[in-house]
Amino acid sequence: MSKFSEKLQKLMDDRGWGPSRLAALTGIEPGSVRLYLKGKVKPSIKTLGKICEVLNVSPDYLIFDEEEDI
């Protein structure tokens, strides 16, 4: 599982959301959210923006490791 997947799962768990809830709030297909959570694919920039807006986090938080220098 990628850091992106782990962080996304934690943010959703903290809110008590499953893939269907995140999908409904962002307009993303539930199957796509499940693929993100499994680490099979990463979202497009546009989709990442929707996810970050709904979860109230920055794209940098979801994409980069904390110890990584930008």
C-alpha atoms as a PDB file:
ATOM      1  CA  MET A   1       0.000   0.000   0.000  1.00  0.00           C
ATOM      2  CA  SER A   2       1.349   3.416  -0.904  1.00  0.00           C
ATOM      3  CA  LYS A   3       1.624   6.353   1.475  1.00  0.00           C
ATOM      4  CA  PHE A   4      -1.151   8.026  -0.522  1.00  0.00           C
ATOM      5  CA  SER A   5      -3.428   5.021   0.018  1.00  0.00           C
ATOM      6  CA  GLU A   6      -2.585   4.811   3.713  1.00  0.00           C
ATOM      7  CA  LYS A   7      -3.209   8.510   4.308  1.00  0.00           C
ATOM      8  CA  LEU A   8      -6.435   8.467   2.322  1.00  0.00           C
ATOM      9  CA  GLN A   9      -7.686   5.443   4.279  1.00  0.00           C
ATOM     10  CA  LYS A  10      -6.819   7.081   7.618  1.00  0.00           C
ATOM     11  CA  LEU A  11      -8.577  10.323   6.720  1.00  0.00           C
ATOM     12  CA  MET A  12     -11.659   8.390   5.667  1.00  0.00           C
ATOM     13  CA  ASP A  13     -11.553   6.211   8.806  1.00  0.00           C
ATOM     14  CA  ASP A  14     -11.254   9.304  11.004  1.00  0.00           C
ATOM     15  CA  ARG A  15     -14.501  10.554   9.490  1.00  0.00           C
ATOM     16  CA  GLY A  16     -16.232   7.181   9.483  1.00  0.00           C
ATOM     17  CA  TRP A  17     -16.482   7.213   5.691  1.00  0.00           C
ATOM     18  CA  GLY A  18     -16.359   4.289   3.317  1.00  0.00           C
ATOM     19  CA  PRO A  19     -15.512   4.481  -0.380  1.00  0.00           C
ATOM     20  CA  SER A  20     -19.135   5.156  -1.306  1.00  0.00           C
ATOM     21  CA  ARG A  21     -19.322   8.220   0.942  1.00  0.00           C
ATOM     22  CA  LEU A  22     -16.123   9.752  -0.446  1.00  0.00           C
ATOM     23  CA  ALA A  23     -17.337   8.964  -3.950  1.00  0.00           C
ATOM     24  CA  ALA A  24     -20.680  10.664  -3.330  1.00  0.00           C
ATOM     25  CA  LEU A  25     -19.026  13.796  -1.927  1.00  0.00           C
ATOM     26  CA  THR A  26     -16.492  14.100  -4.746  1.00  0.00           C
ATOM     27  CA  GLY A  27     -18.371  12.780  -7.765  1.00  0.00           C
ATOM     28  CA  ILE A  28     -15.790  10.024  -8.206  1.00  0.00           C
ATOM     29  CA  GLU A  29     -16.875   6.469  -9.002  1.00  0.00           C
ATOM     30  CA  PRO A  30     -16.825   4.240  -5.884  1.00  0.00           C
ATOM     31  CA  GLY A  31     -14.772   1.674  -7.800  1.00  0.00           C
ATOM     32  CA  SER A  32     -12.112   4.307  -8.448  1.00  0.00           C
ATOM     33  CA  VAL A  33     -11.940   5.175  -4.764  1.00  0.00           C
ATOM     34  CA  ARG A  34     -11.455   1.475  -3.970  1.00  0.00           C
ATOM     35  CA  LEU A  35      -8.585   1.303  -6.477  1.00  0.00           C
ATOM     36  CA  TYR A  36      -6.959   4.338  -4.834  1.00  0.00           C
ATOM     37  CA  LEU A  37      -7.273   2.681  -1.435  1.00  0.00           C
ATOM     38  CA  LYS A  38      -5.695  -0.542  -2.734  1.00  0.00           C
ATOM     39  CA  GLY A  39      -2.839   1.434  -4.260  1.00  0.00           C
ATOM     40  CA  LYS A  40      -3.627   0.131  -7.740  1.00  0.00           C
ATOM     41  CA  VAL A  41      -3.938   3.594  -9.300  1.00  0.00           C
ATOM     42  CA  LYS A  42      -3.465   7.221  -8.307  1.00  0.00           C
ATOM     43  CA  PRO A  43      -6.029   9.918  -9.041  1.00  0.00           C
ATOM     44  CA  SER A  44      -5.615  12.569 -11.707  1.00  0.00           C
ATOM     45  CA  ILE A  45      -4.673  16.073 -10.566  1.00  0.00           C
ATOM     46  CA  LYS A  46      -8.294  17.187 -10.966  1.00  0.00           C
ATOM     47  CA  THR A  47      -9.588  14.255  -8.918  1.00  0.00           C
ATOM     48  CA  LEU A  48      -6.887  14.747  -6.296  1.00  0.00           C
ATOM     49  CA  GLY A  49      -8.088  18.325  -5.937  1.00  0.00           C
ATOM     50  CA  LYS A  50     -11.656  17.154  -5.312  1.00  0.00           C
ATOM     51  CA  ILE A  51     -10.502  14.636  -2.704  1.00  0.00           C
ATOM     52  CA  CYS A  52      -8.361  17.224  -0.915  1.00  0.00           C
ATOM     53  CA  GLU A  53     -11.165  19.771  -0.915  1.00  0.00           C
ATOM     54  CA  VAL A  54     -13.636  17.349   0.647  1.00  0.00           C
ATOM     55  CA  LEU A  55     -11.099  16.051   3.192  1.00  0.00           C
ATOM     56  CA  ASN A  56      -9.749  19.550   3.901  1.00  0.00           C
ATOM     57  CA  VAL A  57      -6.096  18.608   3.364  1.00  0.00           C
ATOM     58  CA  SER A  58      -3.432  19.788   0.948  1.00  0.00           C
ATOM     59  CA  PRO A  59      -2.355  17.681  -2.026  1.00  0.00           C
ATOM     60  CA  ASP A  60       1.178  17.780  -0.599  1.00  0.00           C
ATOM     61  CA  TYR A  61      -0.040  16.013   2.536  1.00  0.00           C
ATOM     62  CA  LEU A  62      -1.522  13.134   0.558  1.00  0.00           C
ATOM     63  CA  ILE A  63       1.261  12.805  -1.990  1.00  0.00           C
ATOM     64  CA  PHE A  64       4.516  13.343  -0.104  1.00  0.00           C
ATOM     65  CA  ASP A  65       6.074  11.593   2.864  1.00  0.00           C
ATOM     66  CA  GLU A  66       6.505  13.848   5.888  1.00  0.00           C
ATOM     67  CA  GLU A  67      10.264  13.373   5.874  1.00  0.00           C
ATOM     68  CA  GLU A  68      10.591  14.215   2.186  1.00  0.00           C
ATOM     69  CA  ASP A  69      12.013  17.599   1.251  1.00  0.00           C
ATOM     70  CA  ILE A  70      10.016  19.413  -1.393  1.00  0.00           C
END
